Amino acid sequence: MSTPSTFQEAYQILQTNAQTIENSDVLDIDGLVQTVEQSIDAYKICLARIQAVEQALDKAFDDVKE
């Protein structure tokens, strides 16, 4: 699977992987490492986008205060 390029794509991967693990009667131990690595990559993308938005909002509000 390719690396997600947007928050929405990364978030969807996290949701899908979480549901897959949660709903599995038998955990696919062979695919677990790949699923976890994919989830970590998606999490990093989500976190980076959230931090970028927080910084932009902080700057916008700082500009308003001045």
PDB file of N, CA and C in Angstrom:
ATOM      1  N   MET A   1       0.848  -1.178   0.000  1.00  0.00           N
ATOM      2  CA  MET A   1       0.000   0.000   0.000  1.00  0.00           C
ATOM      3  C   MET A   1       0.888   1.235   0.000  1.00  0.00           C
ATOM      4  N   SER A   2       0.479   2.259  -0.722  1.00  0.00           N
ATOM      5  CA  SER A   2       1.264   3.470  -0.808  1.00  0.00           C
ATOM      6  C   SER A   2       1.079   4.318   0.451  1.00  0.00           C
ATOM      7  N   THR A   3       2.015   5.222   0.659  1.00  0.00           N
ATOM      8  CA  THR A   3       1.973   6.097   1.815  1.00  0.00           C
ATOM      9  C   THR A   3       0.864   7.131   1.631  1.00  0.00           C
ATOM     10  N   PRO A   4       0.033   7.319   2.637  1.00  0.00           N
ATOM     11  CA  PRO A   4      -1.039   8.308   2.509  1.00  0.00           C
ATOM     12  C   PRO A   4      -0.453   9.715   2.423  1.00  0.00           C
ATOM     13  N   SER A   5      -1.135  10.581   1.679  1.00  0.00           N
ATOM     14  CA  SER A   5      -0.617  11.937   1.507  1.00  0.00           C
ATOM     15  C   SER A   5      -1.485  12.985   2.200  1.00  0.00           C
ATOM     16  N   THR A   6      -2.634  12.569   2.713  1.00  0.00           N
ATOM     17  CA  THR A   6      -3.505  13.520   3.401  1.00  0.00           C
ATOM     18  C   THR A   6      -3.883  12.981   4.783  1.00  0.00           C
ATOM     19  N   PHE A   7      -4.344  13.896   5.615  1.00  0.00           N
ATOM     20  CA  PHE A   7      -4.823  13.509   6.933  1.00  0.00           C
ATOM     21  C   PHE A   7      -5.937  12.478   6.812  1.00  0.00           C
ATOM     22  N   GLN A   8      -6.878  12.744   5.913  1.00  0.00           N
ATOM     23  CA  GLN A   8      -8.041  11.866   5.763  1.00  0.00           C
ATOM     24  C   GLN A   8      -7.625  10.446   5.370  1.00  0.00           C
ATOM     25  N   GLU A   9      -6.693  10.326   4.443  1.00  0.00           N
ATOM     26  CA  GLU A   9      -6.217   9.000   4.028  1.00  0.00           C
ATOM     27  C   GLU A   9      -5.536   8.283   5.195  1.00  0.00           C
ATOM     28  N   ALA A  10      -4.701   9.010   5.916  1.00  0.00           N
ATOM     29  CA  ALA A  10      -3.990   8.411   7.051  1.00  0.00           C
ATOM     30  C   ALA A  10      -4.964   8.007   8.148  1.00  0.00           C
ATOM     31  N   TYR A  11      -5.939   8.859   8.419  1.00  0.00           N
ATOM     32  CA  TYR A  11      -6.932   8.564   9.446  1.00  0.00           C
ATOM     33  C   TYR A  11      -7.754   7.333   9.069  1.00  0.00           C
ATOM     34  N   GLN A  12      -8.070   7.219   7.792  1.00  0.00           N
ATOM     35  CA  GLN A  12      -8.825   6.055   7.316  1.00  0.00           C
ATOM     36  C   GLN A  12      -8.030   4.764   7.532  1.00  0.00           C
ATOM     37  N   ILE A  13      -6.734   4.828   7.289  1.00  0.00           N
ATOM     38  CA  ILE A  13      -5.881   3.657   7.527  1.00  0.00           C
ATOM     39  C   ILE A  13      -5.917   3.274   9.001  1.00  0.00           C
ATOM     40  N   LEU A  14      -5.815   4.260   9.881  1.00  0.00           N
ATOM     41  CA  LEU A  14      -5.864   3.972  11.316  1.00  0.00           C
ATOM     42  C   LEU A  14      -7.192   3.342  11.709  1.00  0.00           C
ATOM     43  N   GLN A  15      -8.288   3.893  11.192  1.00  0.00           N
ATOM     44  CA  GLN A  15      -9.610   3.332  11.501  1.00  0.00           C
ATOM     45  C   GLN A  15      -9.738   1.899  10.991  1.00  0.00           C
ATOM     46  N   THR A  16      -9.331   1.689   9.756  1.00  0.00           N
ATOM     47  CA  THR A  16      -9.438   0.362   9.149  1.00  0.00           C
ATOM     48  C   THR A  16      -8.606  -0.659   9.913  1.00  0.00           C
ATOM     49  N   ASN A  17      -7.371  -0.309  10.223  1.00  0.00           N
ATOM     50  CA  ASN A  17      -6.499  -1.242  10.937  1.00  0.00           C
ATOM     51  C   ASN A  17      -7.024  -1.537  12.335  1.00  0.00           C
ATOM     52  N   ALA A  18      -7.518  -0.520  13.013  1.00  0.00           N
ATOM     53  CA  ALA A  18      -8.069  -0.728  14.355  1.00  0.00           C
ATOM     54  C   ALA A  18      -9.298  -1.640  14.306  1.00  0.00           C
ATOM     55  N   GLN A  19     -10.183  -1.410  13.346  1.00  0.00           N
ATOM     56  CA  GLN A  19     -11.379  -2.246  13.216  1.00  0.00           C
ATOM     57  C   GLN A  19     -11.012  -3.679  12.852  1.00  0.00           C
ATOM     58  N   THR A  20     -10.030  -3.836  11.979  1.00  0.00           N
ATOM     59  CA  THR A  20      -9.607  -5.171  11.571  1.00  0.00           C
ATOM     60  C   THR A  20      -9.092  -5.963  12.765  1.00  0.00           C
ATOM     61  N   ILE A  21      -8.241  -5.330  13.559  1.00  0.00           N
ATOM     62  CA  ILE A  21      -7.681  -6.005  14.733  1.00  0.00           C
ATOM     63  C   ILE A  21      -8.777  -6.272  15.759  1.00  0.00           C
ATOM     64  N   GLU A  22      -9.624  -5.281  15.978  1.00  0.00           N
ATOM     65  CA  GLU A  22     -10.688  -5.396  16.975  1.00  0.00           C
ATOM     66  C   GLU A  22     -11.709  -6.470  16.621  1.00  0.00           C
ATOM     67  N   ASN A  23     -12.021  -6.603  15.342  1.00  0.00           N
ATOM     68  CA  ASN A  23     -13.078  -7.521  14.918  1.00  0.00           C
ATOM     69  C   ASN A  23     -12.585  -8.912  14.542  1.00  0.00           C
ATOM     70  N   SER A  24     -11.292  -9.135  14.606  1.00  0.00           N
ATOM     71  CA  SER A  24     -10.742 -10.431  14.224  1.00  0.00           C
ATOM     72  C   SER A  24     -10.876 -11.430  15.360  1.00  0.00           C
ATOM     73  N   ASP A  25     -11.409 -12.584  15.030  1.00  0.00           N
ATOM     74  CA  ASP A  25     -11.464 -13.655  16.018  1.00  0.00           C
ATOM     75  C   ASP A  25     -10.079 -14.267  16.199  1.00  0.00           C
ATOM     76  N   VAL A  26      -9.350 -14.328  15.092  1.00  0.00           N
ATOM     77  CA  VAL A  26      -7.992 -14.868  15.112  1.00  0.00           C
ATOM     78  C   VAL A  26      -7.075 -13.794  14.547  1.00  0.00           C
ATOM     79  N   LEU A  27      -6.132 -13.361  15.344  1.00  0.00           N
ATOM     80  CA  LEU A  27      -5.213 -12.316  14.937  1.00  0.00           C
ATOM     81  C   LEU A  27      -4.224 -12.848  13.915  1.00  0.00           C
ATOM     82  N   ASP A  28      -4.066 -12.114  12.817  1.00  0.00           N
ATOM     83  CA  ASP A  28      -3.104 -12.485  11.781  1.00  0.00           C
ATOM     84  C   ASP A  28      -1.711 -12.091  12.251  1.00  0.00           C
ATOM     85  N   ILE A  29      -1.078 -12.984  12.968  1.00  0.00           N
ATOM     86  CA  ILE A  29       0.228 -12.712  13.555  1.00  0.00           C
ATOM     87  C   ILE A  29       1.269 -12.448  12.476  1.00  0.00           C
ATOM     88  N   ASP A  30       1.117 -13.084  11.311  1.00  0.00           N
ATOM     89  CA  ASP A  30       2.075 -12.882  10.220  1.00  0.00           C
ATOM     90  C   ASP A  30       1.972 -11.477   9.636  1.00  0.00           C
ATOM     91  N   GLY A  31       0.802 -10.894   9.675  1.00  0.00           N
ATOM     92  CA  GLY A  31       0.622  -9.566   9.123  1.00  0.00           C
ATOM     93  C   GLY A  31       0.632  -8.454  10.165  1.00  0.00           C
ATOM     94  N   LEU A  32       0.789  -8.831  11.432  1.00  0.00           N
ATOM     95  CA  LEU A  32       0.701  -7.853  12.514  1.00  0.00           C
ATOM     96  C   LEU A  32       1.783  -6.785  12.423  1.00  0.00           C
ATOM     97  N   VAL A  33       3.005  -7.174  12.172  1.00  0.00           N
ATOM     98  CA  VAL A  33       4.098  -6.201  12.095  1.00  0.00           C
ATOM     99  C   VAL A  33       3.830  -5.196  10.976  1.00  0.00           C
ATOM    100  N   GLN A  34       3.401  -5.685   9.834  1.00  0.00           N
ATOM    101  CA  GLN A  34       3.091  -4.794   8.713  1.00  0.00           C
ATOM    102  C   GLN A  34       1.947  -3.847   9.078  1.00  0.00           C
ATOM    103  N   THR A  35       0.930  -4.357   9.734  1.00  0.00           N
ATOM    104  CA  THR A  35      -0.207  -3.526  10.133  1.00  0.00           C
ATOM    105  C   THR A  35       0.224  -2.458  11.128  1.00  0.00           C
ATOM    106  N   VAL A  36       1.045  -2.841  12.086  1.00  0.00           N
ATOM    107  CA  VAL A  36       1.521  -1.881  13.083  1.00  0.00           C
ATOM    108  C   VAL A  36       2.413  -0.828  12.433  1.00  0.00           C
ATOM    109  N   GLU A  37       3.313  -1.234  11.557  1.00  0.00           N
ATOM    110  CA  GLU A  37       4.185  -0.267  10.874  1.00  0.00           C
ATOM    111  C   GLU A  37       3.360   0.700  10.024  1.00  0.00           C
ATOM    112  N   GLN A  38       2.370   0.189   9.315  1.00  0.00           N
ATOM    113  CA  GLN A  38       1.499   1.025   8.499  1.00  0.00           C
ATOM    114  C   GLN A  38       0.732   2.006   9.390  1.00  0.00           C
ATOM    115  N   SER A  39       0.278   1.533  10.532  1.00  0.00           N
ATOM    116  CA  SER A  39      -0.459   2.389  11.460  1.00  0.00           C
ATOM    117  C   SER A  39       0.435   3.471  12.050  1.00  0.00           C
ATOM    118  N   ILE A  40       1.655   3.140  12.372  1.00  0.00           N
ATOM    119  CA  ILE A  40       2.594   4.130  12.908  1.00  0.00           C
ATOM    120  C   ILE A  40       2.864   5.209  11.871  1.00  0.00           C
ATOM    121  N   ASP A  41       3.075   4.822  10.626  1.00  0.00           N
ATOM    122  CA  ASP A  41       3.300   5.802   9.556  1.00  0.00           C
ATOM    123  C   ASP A  41       2.083   6.713   9.393  1.00  0.00           C
ATOM    124  N   ALA A  42       0.897   6.127   9.433  1.00  0.00           N
ATOM    125  CA  ALA A  42      -0.328   6.914   9.298  1.00  0.00           C
ATOM    126  C   ALA A  42      -0.492   7.854  10.489  1.00  0.00           C
ATOM    127  N   TYR A  43      -0.177   7.370  11.677  1.00  0.00           N
ATOM    128  CA  TYR A  43      -0.261   8.198  12.887  1.00  0.00           C
ATOM    129  C   TYR A  43       0.676   9.395  12.788  1.00  0.00           C
ATOM    130  N   LYS A  44       1.879   9.167  12.298  1.00  0.00           N
ATOM    131  CA  LYS A  44       2.848  10.263  12.162  1.00  0.00           C
ATOM    132  C   LYS A  44       2.334  11.340  11.208  1.00  0.00           C
ATOM    133  N   ILE A  45       1.678  10.921  10.140  1.00  0.00           N
ATOM    134  CA  ILE A  45       1.114  11.881   9.186  1.00  0.00           C
ATOM    135  C   ILE A  45      -0.015  12.673   9.848  1.00  0.00           C
ATOM    136  N   CYS A  46      -0.895  11.986  10.555  1.00  0.00           N
ATOM    137  CA  CYS A  46      -1.984  12.669  11.257  1.00  0.00           C
ATOM    138  C   CYS A  46      -1.432  13.656  12.283  1.00  0.00           C
ATOM    139  N   LEU A  47      -0.455  13.227  13.053  1.00  0.00           N
ATOM    140  CA  LEU A  47       0.133  14.084  14.075  1.00  0.00           C
ATOM    141  C   LEU A  47       0.783  15.318  13.458  1.00  0.00           C
ATOM    142  N   ALA A  48       1.508  15.136  12.374  1.00  0.00           N
ATOM    143  CA  ALA A  48       2.159  16.269  11.706  1.00  0.00           C
ATOM    144  C   ALA A  48       1.123  17.273  11.198  1.00  0.00           C
ATOM    145  N   ARG A  49       0.027  16.770  10.629  1.00  0.00           N
ATOM    146  CA  ARG A  49      -1.014  17.678  10.129  1.00  0.00           C
ATOM    147  C   ARG A  49      -1.707  18.407  11.277  1.00  0.00           C
ATOM    148  N   ILE A  50      -1.962  17.723  12.369  1.00  0.00           N
ATOM    149  CA  ILE A  50      -2.591  18.356  13.531  1.00  0.00           C
ATOM    150  C   ILE A  50      -1.667  19.439  14.088  1.00  0.00           C
ATOM    151  N   GLN A  51      -0.387  19.144  14.198  1.00  0.00           N
ATOM    152  CA  GLN A  51       0.567  20.127  14.700  1.00  0.00           C
ATOM    153  C   GLN A  51       0.667  21.336  13.772  1.00  0.00           C
ATOM    154  N   ALA A  52       0.622  21.101  12.466  1.00  0.00           N
ATOM    155  CA  ALA A  52       0.676  22.203  11.500  1.00  0.00           C
ATOM    156  C   ALA A  52      -0.555  23.099  11.637  1.00  0.00           C
ATOM    157  N   VAL A  53      -1.709  22.501  11.818  1.00  0.00           N
ATOM    158  CA  VAL A  53      -2.932  23.283  11.985  1.00  0.00           C
ATOM    159  C   VAL A  53      -2.878  24.060  13.299  1.00  0.00           C
ATOM    160  N   GLU A  54      -2.417  23.435  14.374  1.00  0.00           N
ATOM    161  CA  GLU A  54      -2.288  24.127  15.658  1.00  0.00           C
ATOM    162  C   GLU A  54      -1.369  25.341  15.534  1.00  0.00           C
ATOM    163  N   GLN A  55      -0.241  25.173  14.848  1.00  0.00           N
ATOM    164  CA  GLN A  55       0.696  26.282  14.667  1.00  0.00           C
ATOM    165  C   GLN A  55       0.061  27.400  13.837  1.00  0.00           C
ATOM    166  N   ALA A  56      -0.653  27.038  12.795  1.00  0.00           N
ATOM    167  CA  ALA A  56      -1.304  28.040  11.955  1.00  0.00           C
ATOM    168  C   ALA A  56      -2.368  28.806  12.748  1.00  0.00           C
ATOM    169  N   LEU A  57      -3.131  28.085  13.562  1.00  0.00           N
ATOM    170  CA  LEU A  57      -4.146  28.741  14.375  1.00  0.00           C
ATOM    171  C   LEU A  57      -3.516  29.635  15.428  1.00  0.00           C
ATOM    172  N   ASP A  58      -2.446  29.166  16.063  1.00  0.00           N
ATOM    173  CA  ASP A  58      -1.736  29.990  17.045  1.00  0.00           C
ATOM    174  C   ASP A  58      -1.247  31.281  16.404  1.00  0.00           C
ATOM    175  N   LYS A  59      -0.672  31.170  15.213  1.00  0.00           N
ATOM    176  CA  LYS A  59      -0.179  32.355  14.506  1.00  0.00           C
ATOM    177  C   LYS A  59      -1.330  33.284  14.155  1.00  0.00           C
ATOM    178  N   ALA A  60      -2.426  32.736  13.695  1.00  0.00           N
ATOM    179  CA  ALA A  60      -3.588  33.547  13.328  1.00  0.00           C
ATOM    180  C   ALA A  60      -4.118  34.305  14.547  1.00  0.00           C
ATOM    181  N   PHE A  61      -4.196  33.616  15.683  1.00  0.00           N
ATOM    182  CA  PHE A  61      -4.687  34.277  16.887  1.00  0.00           C
ATOM    183  C   PHE A  61      -3.679  35.283  17.435  1.00  0.00           C
ATOM    184  N   ASP A  62      -2.387  35.001  17.281  1.00  0.00           N
ATOM    185  CA  ASP A  62      -1.368  35.966  17.687  1.00  0.00           C
ATOM    186  C   ASP A  62      -1.472  37.235  16.848  1.00  0.00           C
ATOM    187  N   ASP A  63      -1.745  37.084  15.562  1.00  0.00           N
ATOM    188  CA  ASP A  63      -1.904  38.232  14.669  1.00  0.00           C
ATOM    189  C   ASP A  63      -3.113  39.066  15.078  1.00  0.00           C
ATOM    190  N   VAL A  64      -4.159  38.422  15.554  1.00  0.00           N
ATOM    191  CA  VAL A  64      -5.373  39.121  15.981  1.00  0.00           C
ATOM    192  C   VAL A  64      -5.099  39.909  17.265  1.00  0.00           C
ATOM    193  N   LYS A  65      -4.301  39.343  18.154  1.00  0.00           N
ATOM    194  CA  LYS A  65      -4.003  39.986  19.434  1.00  0.00           C
ATOM    195  C   LYS A  65      -3.159  41.239  19.240  1.00  0.00           C
ATOM    196  N   GLU A  66      -2.360  41.276  18.203  1.00  0.00           N
ATOM    197  CA  GLU A  66      -1.455  42.419  17.992  1.00  0.00           C
ATOM    198  C   GLU A  66      -2.152  43.577  17.449  1.00  0.00           C
TER     199      GLU A  66
END
